[in-house]
């Protein structure tokens, strides 16, 4: 936590879990490849983090894992990640591109992308059955969201403050 000189992490593929707050506030960390599950606030406020790759061993990401990672521009959520908690990408101001693979998580949790002000177009796979309260709140550049699933439940204020949203 708070390793201000750390720029890159290389984990062994045998790593099972990155514990809570493990690398929070590592302000110069810019690239990571993650082989195991991710704990609460594990990479929170890593303000230079630009690249995150999730390997097959990742099945769950705890809340606030990447909140405040202001340099993160894109993320791909693979199908092996089936458990997502709230506010994972909260306040990732530069996040503009997100992709989800089919057959992964079924719920897009509370405040998942809240205040990701550059996020502009999202396609949610058919496996997403619920978009919880405030999932996209404050995503002021979000102009289009495609929901591929049938009977997807959309929570209260899921898109509150999405002033550019023109198409769902």
N, C-alpha and C. Protein backbone atom coordinates (compact mmCIF):
# COMPACT_ATOMS: atom_id res chain seq x y z
N UNK A 1 0.84 -1.19 0.00
CA UNK A 1 0.00 0.00 0.00
C UNK A 1 0.88 1.25 0.00
N UNK A 2 0.59 2.19 -0.90
CA UNK A 2 1.31 3.45 -0.93
C UNK A 2 2.73 3.35 -1.46
N UNK A 3 3.01 2.34 -2.28
CA UNK A 3 4.35 2.19 -2.86
C UNK A 3 4.51 3.21 -3.98
N UNK A 4 5.06 4.34 -3.69
CA UNK A 4 5.07 5.45 -4.64
C UNK A 4 6.09 5.29 -5.77
N UNK A 5 7.01 4.34 -5.69
CA UNK A 5 7.99 4.13 -6.76
C UNK A 5 7.66 2.93 -7.64
N UNK A 6 6.71 2.12 -7.25
CA UNK A 6 6.36 0.90 -7.98
C UNK A 6 5.65 1.25 -9.28
N UNK A 7 6.18 0.78 -10.43
CA UNK A 7 5.57 1.09 -11.72
C UNK A 7 4.94 -0.13 -12.40
N UNK A 8 5.43 -1.33 -12.08
CA UNK A 8 4.93 -2.52 -12.75
C UNK A 8 4.92 -3.70 -11.79
N UNK A 9 3.90 -4.53 -11.90
CA UNK A 9 3.80 -5.74 -11.08
C UNK A 9 3.75 -6.96 -11.99
N UNK A 10 4.52 -7.97 -11.64
CA UNK A 10 4.46 -9.24 -12.36
C UNK A 10 4.17 -10.31 -11.31
N UNK A 11 2.97 -10.87 -11.40
CA UNK A 11 2.55 -11.89 -10.45
C UNK A 11 2.76 -13.28 -11.04
N UNK A 12 3.08 -14.27 -10.20
CA UNK A 12 3.12 -15.64 -10.73
C UNK A 12 1.69 -16.09 -11.05
N UNK A 13 1.53 -16.92 -12.06
CA UNK A 13 0.20 -17.37 -12.44
C UNK A 13 -0.45 -18.21 -11.35
N UNK A 14 0.32 -18.68 -10.40
CA UNK A 14 -0.21 -19.49 -9.30
C UNK A 14 -0.86 -18.64 -8.20
N UNK A 15 -0.74 -17.32 -8.29
CA UNK A 15 -1.33 -16.43 -7.28
C UNK A 15 -2.85 -16.59 -7.27
N UNK A 16 -3.43 -16.85 -6.11
CA UNK A 16 -4.87 -17.08 -6.00
C UNK A 16 -5.65 -15.82 -5.67
N UNK A 17 -5.10 -14.96 -4.80
CA UNK A 17 -5.84 -13.78 -4.33
C UNK A 17 -4.89 -12.62 -4.05
N UNK A 18 -5.34 -11.43 -4.42
CA UNK A 18 -4.66 -10.19 -4.02
C UNK A 18 -5.53 -9.62 -2.91
N UNK A 19 -5.00 -9.53 -1.74
CA UNK A 19 -5.78 -9.15 -0.56
C UNK A 19 -6.19 -7.68 -0.56
N UNK A 20 -7.10 -7.35 0.35
CA UNK A 20 -7.63 -5.99 0.50
C UNK A 20 -6.51 -4.95 0.64
N UNK A 21 -6.66 -3.84 -0.07
CA UNK A 21 -5.75 -2.69 0.01
C UNK A 21 -4.30 -2.99 -0.34
N UNK A 22 -4.01 -4.14 -0.93
CA UNK A 22 -2.63 -4.58 -1.15
C UNK A 22 -1.77 -3.56 -1.89
N UNK A 23 -2.31 -2.95 -2.92
CA UNK A 23 -1.54 -2.00 -3.73
C UNK A 23 -2.24 -0.65 -3.86
N UNK A 24 -3.12 -0.35 -2.94
CA UNK A 24 -3.84 0.93 -2.96
C UNK A 24 -2.84 2.09 -2.87
N UNK A 25 -3.14 3.16 -3.60
CA UNK A 25 -2.35 4.38 -3.58
C UNK A 25 -0.92 4.23 -4.10
N UNK A 26 -0.69 3.23 -4.94
CA UNK A 26 0.61 3.10 -5.61
C UNK A 26 0.55 4.01 -6.83
N UNK A 27 0.88 5.25 -6.63
CA UNK A 27 0.58 6.30 -7.60
C UNK A 27 1.34 6.22 -8.92
N UNK A 28 2.40 5.43 -9.02
CA UNK A 28 3.13 5.32 -10.28
C UNK A 28 2.94 3.96 -10.96
N UNK A 29 2.18 3.08 -10.36
CA UNK A 29 1.89 1.78 -10.97
C UNK A 29 1.10 2.01 -12.25
N UNK A 30 1.59 1.48 -13.39
CA UNK A 30 0.90 1.77 -14.65
C UNK A 30 0.42 0.55 -15.43
N UNK A 31 0.83 -0.65 -15.02
CA UNK A 31 0.45 -1.83 -15.79
C UNK A 31 0.41 -3.06 -14.89
N UNK A 32 -0.68 -3.84 -15.02
CA UNK A 32 -0.76 -5.08 -14.25
C UNK A 32 -1.47 -6.18 -15.05
N UNK A 33 -1.00 -7.40 -14.85
CA UNK A 33 -1.66 -8.60 -15.36
C UNK A 33 -2.02 -9.39 -14.11
N UNK A 34 -3.32 -9.66 -13.94
CA UNK A 34 -3.80 -10.22 -12.68
C UNK A 34 -4.24 -11.67 -12.87
N UNK A 35 -3.59 -12.61 -12.14
CA UNK A 35 -3.92 -14.02 -12.29
C UNK A 35 -4.96 -14.55 -11.29
N UNK A 36 -5.22 -13.81 -10.21
CA UNK A 36 -6.11 -14.32 -9.16
C UNK A 36 -7.15 -13.31 -8.74
N UNK A 37 -8.01 -13.71 -7.81
CA UNK A 37 -9.10 -12.86 -7.33
C UNK A 37 -8.57 -11.58 -6.69
N UNK A 38 -9.42 -10.56 -6.71
CA UNK A 38 -8.98 -9.22 -6.32
C UNK A 38 -9.79 -8.75 -5.12
N UNK A 39 -9.09 -8.37 -4.06
CA UNK A 39 -9.72 -7.94 -2.82
C UNK A 39 -10.19 -6.50 -2.84
N UNK A 40 -10.86 -6.12 -1.76
CA UNK A 40 -11.41 -4.78 -1.55
C UNK A 40 -10.31 -3.73 -1.67
N UNK A 41 -10.53 -2.74 -2.51
CA UNK A 41 -9.62 -1.61 -2.72
C UNK A 41 -8.17 -2.02 -3.03
N UNK A 42 -7.98 -3.18 -3.63
CA UNK A 42 -6.63 -3.68 -3.90
C UNK A 42 -5.78 -2.72 -4.72
N UNK A 43 -6.39 -2.03 -5.69
CA UNK A 43 -5.66 -1.11 -6.55
C UNK A 43 -6.30 0.29 -6.54
N UNK A 44 -7.03 0.59 -5.51
CA UNK A 44 -7.72 1.87 -5.38
C UNK A 44 -6.72 3.04 -5.42
N UNK A 45 -7.07 4.07 -6.18
CA UNK A 45 -6.28 5.29 -6.27
C UNK A 45 -4.87 5.09 -6.81
N UNK A 46 -4.71 4.10 -7.69
CA UNK A 46 -3.47 3.96 -8.44
C UNK A 46 -3.63 4.87 -9.65
N UNK A 47 -3.33 6.12 -9.46
CA UNK A 47 -3.71 7.18 -10.41
C UNK A 47 -3.00 7.11 -11.75
N UNK A 48 -1.91 6.36 -11.88
CA UNK A 48 -1.21 6.22 -13.16
C UNK A 48 -1.53 4.90 -13.87
N UNK A 49 -2.37 4.08 -13.27
CA UNK A 49 -2.68 2.77 -13.85
C UNK A 49 -3.41 2.93 -15.18
N UNK A 50 -2.79 2.43 -16.25
CA UNK A 50 -3.34 2.55 -17.60
C UNK A 50 -3.85 1.22 -18.15
N UNK A 51 -3.23 0.13 -17.72
CA UNK A 51 -3.53 -1.17 -18.31
C UNK A 51 -3.76 -2.25 -17.25
N UNK A 52 -4.90 -2.95 -17.38
CA UNK A 52 -5.23 -4.07 -16.50
C UNK A 52 -5.66 -5.23 -17.38
N UNK A 53 -5.04 -6.38 -17.17
CA UNK A 53 -5.42 -7.59 -17.89
C UNK A 53 -5.79 -8.64 -16.85
N UNK A 54 -6.97 -9.26 -17.02
CA UNK A 54 -7.44 -10.30 -16.12
C UNK A 54 -7.20 -11.66 -16.76
N UNK A 55 -6.47 -12.54 -16.07
CA UNK A 55 -6.23 -13.89 -16.57
C UNK A 55 -7.35 -14.84 -16.13
N UNK A 56 -7.29 -16.09 -16.58
CA UNK A 56 -8.34 -17.08 -16.32
C UNK A 56 -8.60 -17.36 -14.85
N UNK A 57 -7.60 -17.17 -14.00
CA UNK A 57 -7.78 -17.47 -12.58
C UNK A 57 -8.63 -16.47 -11.82
N UNK A 58 -8.96 -15.35 -12.44
CA UNK A 58 -9.78 -14.32 -11.77
C UNK A 58 -11.25 -14.70 -11.93
N UNK A 59 -11.92 -14.91 -10.81
CA UNK A 59 -13.36 -15.19 -10.84
C UNK A 59 -14.17 -14.15 -10.08
N UNK A 60 -13.50 -13.38 -9.21
CA UNK A 60 -14.24 -12.36 -8.45
C UNK A 60 -13.38 -11.12 -8.23
N UNK A 61 -14.10 -9.98 -8.21
CA UNK A 61 -13.47 -8.69 -7.93
C UNK A 61 -14.30 -8.03 -6.83
N UNK A 62 -13.66 -7.70 -5.73
CA UNK A 62 -14.34 -7.07 -4.60
C UNK A 62 -14.55 -5.58 -4.84
N UNK A 63 -15.39 -4.98 -4.00
CA UNK A 63 -15.78 -3.59 -4.18
C UNK A 63 -14.60 -2.63 -4.12
N UNK A 64 -14.72 -1.56 -4.89
CA UNK A 64 -13.76 -0.46 -4.96
C UNK A 64 -12.35 -0.89 -5.39
N UNK A 65 -12.23 -2.04 -6.02
CA UNK A 65 -10.91 -2.57 -6.39
C UNK A 65 -10.08 -1.60 -7.21
N UNK A 66 -10.72 -0.86 -8.13
CA UNK A 66 -10.00 0.06 -9.00
C UNK A 66 -10.53 1.49 -8.91
N UNK A 67 -11.24 1.82 -7.86
CA UNK A 67 -11.80 3.17 -7.80
C UNK A 67 -10.70 4.23 -7.77
N UNK A 68 -10.95 5.32 -8.46
CA UNK A 68 -10.00 6.42 -8.49
C UNK A 68 -8.77 6.17 -9.36
N UNK A 69 -8.81 5.15 -10.22
CA UNK A 69 -7.70 4.90 -11.15
C UNK A 69 -7.92 5.79 -12.37
N UNK A 70 -7.52 7.03 -12.26
CA UNK A 70 -7.85 8.07 -13.23
C UNK A 70 -7.23 7.93 -14.60
N UNK A 71 -6.19 7.11 -14.76
CA UNK A 71 -5.53 6.95 -16.06
C UNK A 71 -6.01 5.71 -16.82
N UNK A 72 -6.82 4.89 -16.19
CA UNK A 72 -7.33 3.67 -16.82
C UNK A 72 -8.31 4.07 -17.93
N UNK A 73 -8.03 3.66 -19.18
CA UNK A 73 -8.87 4.08 -20.31
C UNK A 73 -9.76 2.97 -20.84
N UNK A 74 -9.35 1.72 -20.69
CA UNK A 74 -10.19 0.64 -21.18
C UNK A 74 -10.02 -0.60 -20.31
N UNK A 75 -11.07 -1.40 -20.31
CA UNK A 75 -11.04 -2.64 -19.54
C UNK A 75 -11.92 -3.67 -20.23
N UNK A 76 -11.45 -4.93 -20.20
CA UNK A 76 -12.20 -6.05 -20.75
C UNK A 76 -12.50 -7.02 -19.61
N UNK A 77 -13.79 -7.32 -19.41
CA UNK A 77 -14.22 -8.22 -18.35
C UNK A 77 -14.45 -9.60 -19.00
N UNK A 78 -13.57 -10.57 -18.75
CA UNK A 78 -13.73 -11.88 -19.37
C UNK A 78 -14.82 -12.72 -18.71
N UNK A 79 -15.23 -13.78 -19.36
CA UNK A 79 -16.34 -14.61 -18.88
C UNK A 79 -16.01 -15.36 -17.59
N UNK A 80 -14.74 -15.56 -17.28
CA UNK A 80 -14.39 -16.26 -16.04
C UNK A 80 -14.69 -15.44 -14.80
N UNK A 81 -14.88 -14.13 -14.95
CA UNK A 81 -15.23 -13.28 -13.80
C UNK A 81 -16.75 -13.31 -13.65
N UNK A 82 -17.19 -14.00 -12.63
CA UNK A 82 -18.64 -14.19 -12.42
C UNK A 82 -19.17 -13.45 -11.20
N UNK A 83 -18.28 -12.99 -10.34
CA UNK A 83 -18.71 -12.28 -9.13
C UNK A 83 -18.09 -10.88 -9.11
N UNK A 84 -18.97 -9.90 -9.25
CA UNK A 84 -18.56 -8.50 -9.22
C UNK A 84 -19.26 -7.81 -8.06
N UNK A 85 -18.52 -6.98 -7.34
CA UNK A 85 -19.12 -6.22 -6.25
C UNK A 85 -19.25 -4.75 -6.65
N UNK A 86 -19.80 -3.95 -5.76
CA UNK A 86 -20.12 -2.55 -6.08
C UNK A 86 -18.89 -1.66 -6.23
N UNK A 87 -19.08 -0.60 -7.00
CA UNK A 87 -18.13 0.52 -7.13
C UNK A 87 -16.73 0.11 -7.60
N UNK A 88 -16.60 -0.95 -8.36
CA UNK A 88 -15.28 -1.42 -8.77
C UNK A 88 -14.53 -0.37 -9.58
N UNK A 89 -15.20 0.30 -10.50
CA UNK A 89 -14.55 1.32 -11.33
C UNK A 89 -15.06 2.72 -11.02
N UNK A 90 -15.50 2.94 -9.81
CA UNK A 90 -15.99 4.24 -9.36
C UNK A 90 -14.92 5.30 -9.57
N UNK A 91 -15.30 6.44 -10.15
CA UNK A 91 -14.40 7.58 -10.33
C UNK A 91 -13.17 7.30 -11.21
N UNK A 92 -13.29 6.41 -12.16
CA UNK A 92 -12.21 6.20 -13.14
C UNK A 92 -12.47 7.18 -14.28
N UNK A 93 -12.01 8.38 -14.10
CA UNK A 93 -12.38 9.52 -14.94
C UNK A 93 -12.01 9.36 -16.41
N UNK A 94 -10.98 8.59 -16.75
CA UNK A 94 -10.55 8.42 -18.14
C UNK A 94 -11.11 7.16 -18.81
N UNK A 95 -11.81 6.34 -18.06
CA UNK A 95 -12.33 5.09 -18.61
C UNK A 95 -13.34 5.40 -19.70
N UNK A 96 -13.00 5.01 -20.94
CA UNK A 96 -13.89 5.31 -22.07
C UNK A 96 -14.38 4.07 -22.79
N UNK A 97 -13.71 2.94 -22.60
CA UNK A 97 -14.08 1.72 -23.32
C UNK A 97 -14.14 0.53 -22.37
N UNK A 98 -15.27 -0.19 -22.44
CA UNK A 98 -15.49 -1.36 -21.60
C UNK A 98 -16.06 -2.46 -22.47
N UNK A 99 -15.56 -3.67 -22.28
CA UNK A 99 -16.17 -4.81 -22.99
C UNK A 99 -16.39 -5.95 -22.01
N UNK A 100 -17.46 -6.70 -22.27
CA UNK A 100 -17.82 -7.85 -21.45
C UNK A 100 -17.92 -9.07 -22.36
N UNK A 101 -17.38 -10.20 -21.91
CA UNK A 101 -17.59 -11.45 -22.64
C UNK A 101 -18.91 -12.07 -22.18
N UNK A 102 -19.52 -12.86 -23.04
CA UNK A 102 -20.73 -13.61 -22.69
C UNK A 102 -20.41 -14.63 -21.60
N UNK A 103 -21.44 -15.07 -20.90
CA UNK A 103 -21.37 -16.15 -19.90
C UNK A 103 -20.57 -15.80 -18.66
N UNK A 104 -20.44 -14.53 -18.36
CA UNK A 104 -19.74 -14.11 -17.15
C UNK A 104 -20.73 -13.69 -16.07
N UNK A 105 -20.46 -12.57 -15.46
CA UNK A 105 -21.28 -12.05 -14.37
C UNK A 105 -22.73 -11.83 -14.82
N UNK A 106 -23.65 -11.98 -13.88
CA UNK A 106 -25.07 -11.79 -14.17
C UNK A 106 -25.61 -10.47 -13.64
N UNK A 107 -24.87 -9.84 -12.74
CA UNK A 107 -25.33 -8.59 -12.13
C UNK A 107 -24.26 -7.52 -12.31
N UNK A 108 -24.66 -6.35 -12.79
CA UNK A 108 -23.79 -5.18 -12.83
C UNK A 108 -24.10 -4.41 -11.55
N UNK A 109 -23.23 -4.47 -10.56
CA UNK A 109 -23.55 -3.96 -9.22
C UNK A 109 -23.68 -2.45 -9.09
N UNK A 110 -24.17 -2.08 -7.92
CA UNK A 110 -24.36 -0.69 -7.50
C UNK A 110 -23.10 0.13 -7.79
N UNK A 111 -23.27 1.28 -8.41
CA UNK A 111 -22.22 2.28 -8.65
C UNK A 111 -21.00 1.70 -9.36
N UNK A 112 -21.18 0.65 -10.13
CA UNK A 112 -20.07 -0.05 -10.79
C UNK A 112 -19.21 0.90 -11.61
N UNK A 113 -19.83 1.74 -12.43
CA UNK A 113 -19.11 2.71 -13.27
C UNK A 113 -19.43 4.15 -12.86
N UNK A 114 -19.86 4.37 -11.65
CA UNK A 114 -20.27 5.72 -11.25
C UNK A 114 -19.14 6.73 -11.48
N UNK A 115 -19.51 7.86 -12.08
CA UNK A 115 -18.60 8.98 -12.35
C UNK A 115 -17.46 8.65 -13.31
N UNK A 116 -17.68 7.68 -14.18
CA UNK A 116 -16.72 7.42 -15.27
C UNK A 116 -17.13 8.36 -16.40
N UNK A 117 -16.67 9.58 -16.31
CA UNK A 117 -17.20 10.66 -17.14
C UNK A 117 -16.85 10.57 -18.62
N UNK A 118 -15.90 9.71 -19.01
CA UNK A 118 -15.56 9.56 -20.42
C UNK A 118 -16.17 8.32 -21.05
N UNK A 119 -16.80 7.49 -20.27
CA UNK A 119 -17.43 6.28 -20.79
C UNK A 119 -18.55 6.69 -21.73
N UNK A 120 -18.51 6.21 -23.00
CA UNK A 120 -19.49 6.72 -23.96
C UNK A 120 -20.38 5.69 -24.63
N UNK A 121 -19.95 4.44 -24.74
CA UNK A 121 -20.75 3.43 -25.42
C UNK A 121 -20.48 2.09 -24.76
N UNK A 122 -21.53 1.40 -24.31
CA UNK A 122 -21.36 0.13 -23.61
C UNK A 122 -22.32 -0.90 -24.20
N UNK A 123 -21.80 -2.11 -24.41
CA UNK A 123 -22.63 -3.24 -24.83
C UNK A 123 -22.58 -4.26 -23.71
N UNK A 124 -23.75 -4.54 -23.13
CA UNK A 124 -23.84 -5.53 -22.06
C UNK A 124 -24.31 -6.86 -22.65
N UNK A 125 -23.63 -7.95 -22.33
CA UNK A 125 -24.00 -9.25 -22.89
C UNK A 125 -25.33 -9.76 -22.33
N UNK A 126 -25.87 -10.76 -22.97
CA UNK A 126 -27.16 -11.32 -22.55
C UNK A 126 -27.10 -11.95 -21.16
N UNK A 127 -25.92 -12.26 -20.68
CA UNK A 127 -25.80 -12.86 -19.35
C UNK A 127 -26.05 -11.86 -18.22
N UNK A 128 -25.96 -10.57 -18.51
CA UNK A 128 -26.27 -9.55 -17.48
C UNK A 128 -27.79 -9.50 -17.33
N UNK A 129 -28.26 -9.91 -16.16
CA UNK A 129 -29.70 -9.97 -15.89
C UNK A 129 -30.20 -8.79 -15.06
N UNK A 130 -29.25 -8.08 -14.42
CA UNK A 130 -29.64 -6.95 -13.57
C UNK A 130 -28.58 -5.86 -13.60
N UNK A 131 -29.05 -4.63 -13.74
CA UNK A 131 -28.21 -3.44 -13.63
C UNK A 131 -28.68 -2.75 -12.36
N UNK A 132 -27.84 -2.80 -11.33
CA UNK A 132 -28.27 -2.29 -10.03
C UNK A 132 -28.28 -0.77 -9.95
N UNK A 133 -28.87 -0.29 -8.87
CA UNK A 133 -29.01 1.13 -8.54
C UNK A 133 -27.71 1.89 -8.81
N UNK A 134 -27.79 2.95 -9.59
CA UNK A 134 -26.66 3.85 -9.80
C UNK A 134 -25.46 3.26 -10.54
N UNK A 135 -25.63 2.14 -11.23
CA UNK A 135 -24.49 1.48 -11.89
C UNK A 135 -23.72 2.42 -12.82
N UNK A 136 -24.44 3.29 -13.53
CA UNK A 136 -23.82 4.22 -14.46
C UNK A 136 -24.03 5.68 -14.04
N UNK A 137 -24.41 5.91 -12.81
CA UNK A 137 -24.69 7.27 -12.33
C UNK A 137 -23.50 8.19 -12.59
N UNK A 138 -23.78 9.35 -13.13
CA UNK A 138 -22.75 10.36 -13.34
C UNK A 138 -21.85 10.12 -14.55
N UNK A 139 -22.20 9.15 -15.39
CA UNK A 139 -21.42 8.91 -16.61
C UNK A 139 -21.92 9.89 -17.67
N UNK A 140 -21.46 11.11 -17.56
CA UNK A 140 -22.04 12.21 -18.34
C UNK A 140 -21.78 12.12 -19.84
N UNK A 141 -20.82 11.32 -20.30
CA UNK A 141 -20.57 11.16 -21.74
C UNK A 141 -21.25 9.93 -22.33
N UNK A 142 -21.87 9.11 -21.48
CA UNK A 142 -22.51 7.88 -21.97
C UNK A 142 -23.66 8.25 -22.91
N UNK A 143 -23.50 7.90 -24.19
CA UNK A 143 -24.53 8.25 -25.17
C UNK A 143 -25.34 7.05 -25.63
N UNK A 144 -24.78 5.84 -25.51
CA UNK A 144 -25.49 4.66 -25.98
C UNK A 144 -25.14 3.46 -25.11
N UNK A 145 -26.15 2.69 -24.75
CA UNK A 145 -25.94 1.43 -24.05
C UNK A 145 -26.82 0.38 -24.71
N UNK A 146 -26.21 -0.73 -25.05
CA UNK A 146 -26.94 -1.84 -25.66
C UNK A 146 -27.06 -2.95 -24.64
N UNK A 147 -28.29 -3.31 -24.32
CA UNK A 147 -28.55 -4.38 -23.37
C UNK A 147 -29.03 -5.58 -24.18
N UNK A 148 -28.19 -6.60 -24.27
CA UNK A 148 -28.48 -7.76 -25.11
C UNK A 148 -29.46 -8.75 -24.47
N UNK A 149 -29.57 -8.71 -23.15
CA UNK A 149 -30.42 -9.66 -22.43
C UNK A 149 -31.90 -9.36 -22.54
N UNK A 150 -32.68 -10.41 -22.35
CA UNK A 150 -34.14 -10.29 -22.32
C UNK A 150 -34.54 -10.19 -20.85
N UNK A 151 -35.49 -9.32 -20.55
CA UNK A 151 -36.00 -9.15 -19.18
C UNK A 151 -34.93 -8.71 -18.18
N UNK A 152 -34.00 -7.89 -18.62
CA UNK A 152 -32.99 -7.35 -17.72
C UNK A 152 -33.65 -6.35 -16.78
N UNK A 153 -33.36 -6.48 -15.49
CA UNK A 153 -33.90 -5.57 -14.48
C UNK A 153 -32.97 -4.36 -14.37
N UNK A 154 -33.54 -3.17 -14.44
CA UNK A 154 -32.76 -1.94 -14.32
C UNK A 154 -33.15 -1.25 -13.02
N UNK A 155 -32.18 -1.07 -12.13
CA UNK A 155 -32.43 -0.49 -10.82
C UNK A 155 -32.66 1.01 -10.86
N UNK A 156 -33.16 1.54 -9.73
CA UNK A 156 -33.41 2.98 -9.59
C UNK A 156 -32.14 3.78 -9.87
N UNK A 157 -32.31 4.88 -10.57
CA UNK A 157 -31.22 5.81 -10.83
C UNK A 157 -29.99 5.17 -11.48
N UNK A 158 -30.18 4.05 -12.17
CA UNK A 158 -29.06 3.36 -12.82
C UNK A 158 -28.32 4.28 -13.78
N UNK A 159 -29.06 5.21 -14.41
CA UNK A 159 -28.47 6.11 -15.40
C UNK A 159 -28.61 7.59 -15.00
N UNK A 160 -28.77 7.85 -13.73
CA UNK A 160 -28.92 9.23 -13.26
C UNK A 160 -27.66 10.03 -13.59
N UNK A 161 -27.86 11.21 -14.14
CA UNK A 161 -26.74 12.08 -14.49
C UNK A 161 -26.06 11.71 -15.79
N UNK A 162 -26.65 10.80 -16.55
CA UNK A 162 -26.12 10.43 -17.87
C UNK A 162 -26.73 11.38 -18.90
N UNK A 163 -26.28 12.61 -18.87
CA UNK A 163 -26.93 13.68 -19.65
C UNK A 163 -26.77 13.51 -21.16
N UNK A 164 -25.83 12.71 -21.65
CA UNK A 164 -25.64 12.51 -23.09
C UNK A 164 -26.37 11.27 -23.60
N UNK A 165 -27.00 10.51 -22.69
CA UNK A 165 -27.62 9.25 -23.10
C UNK A 165 -28.78 9.48 -24.05
N UNK A 166 -28.66 8.90 -25.25
CA UNK A 166 -29.67 9.05 -26.30
C UNK A 166 -30.32 7.74 -26.68
N UNK A 167 -29.65 6.62 -26.39
CA UNK A 167 -30.17 5.35 -26.88
C UNK A 167 -29.87 4.22 -25.91
N UNK A 168 -30.94 3.46 -25.61
CA UNK A 168 -30.80 2.24 -24.81
C UNK A 168 -31.40 1.10 -25.62
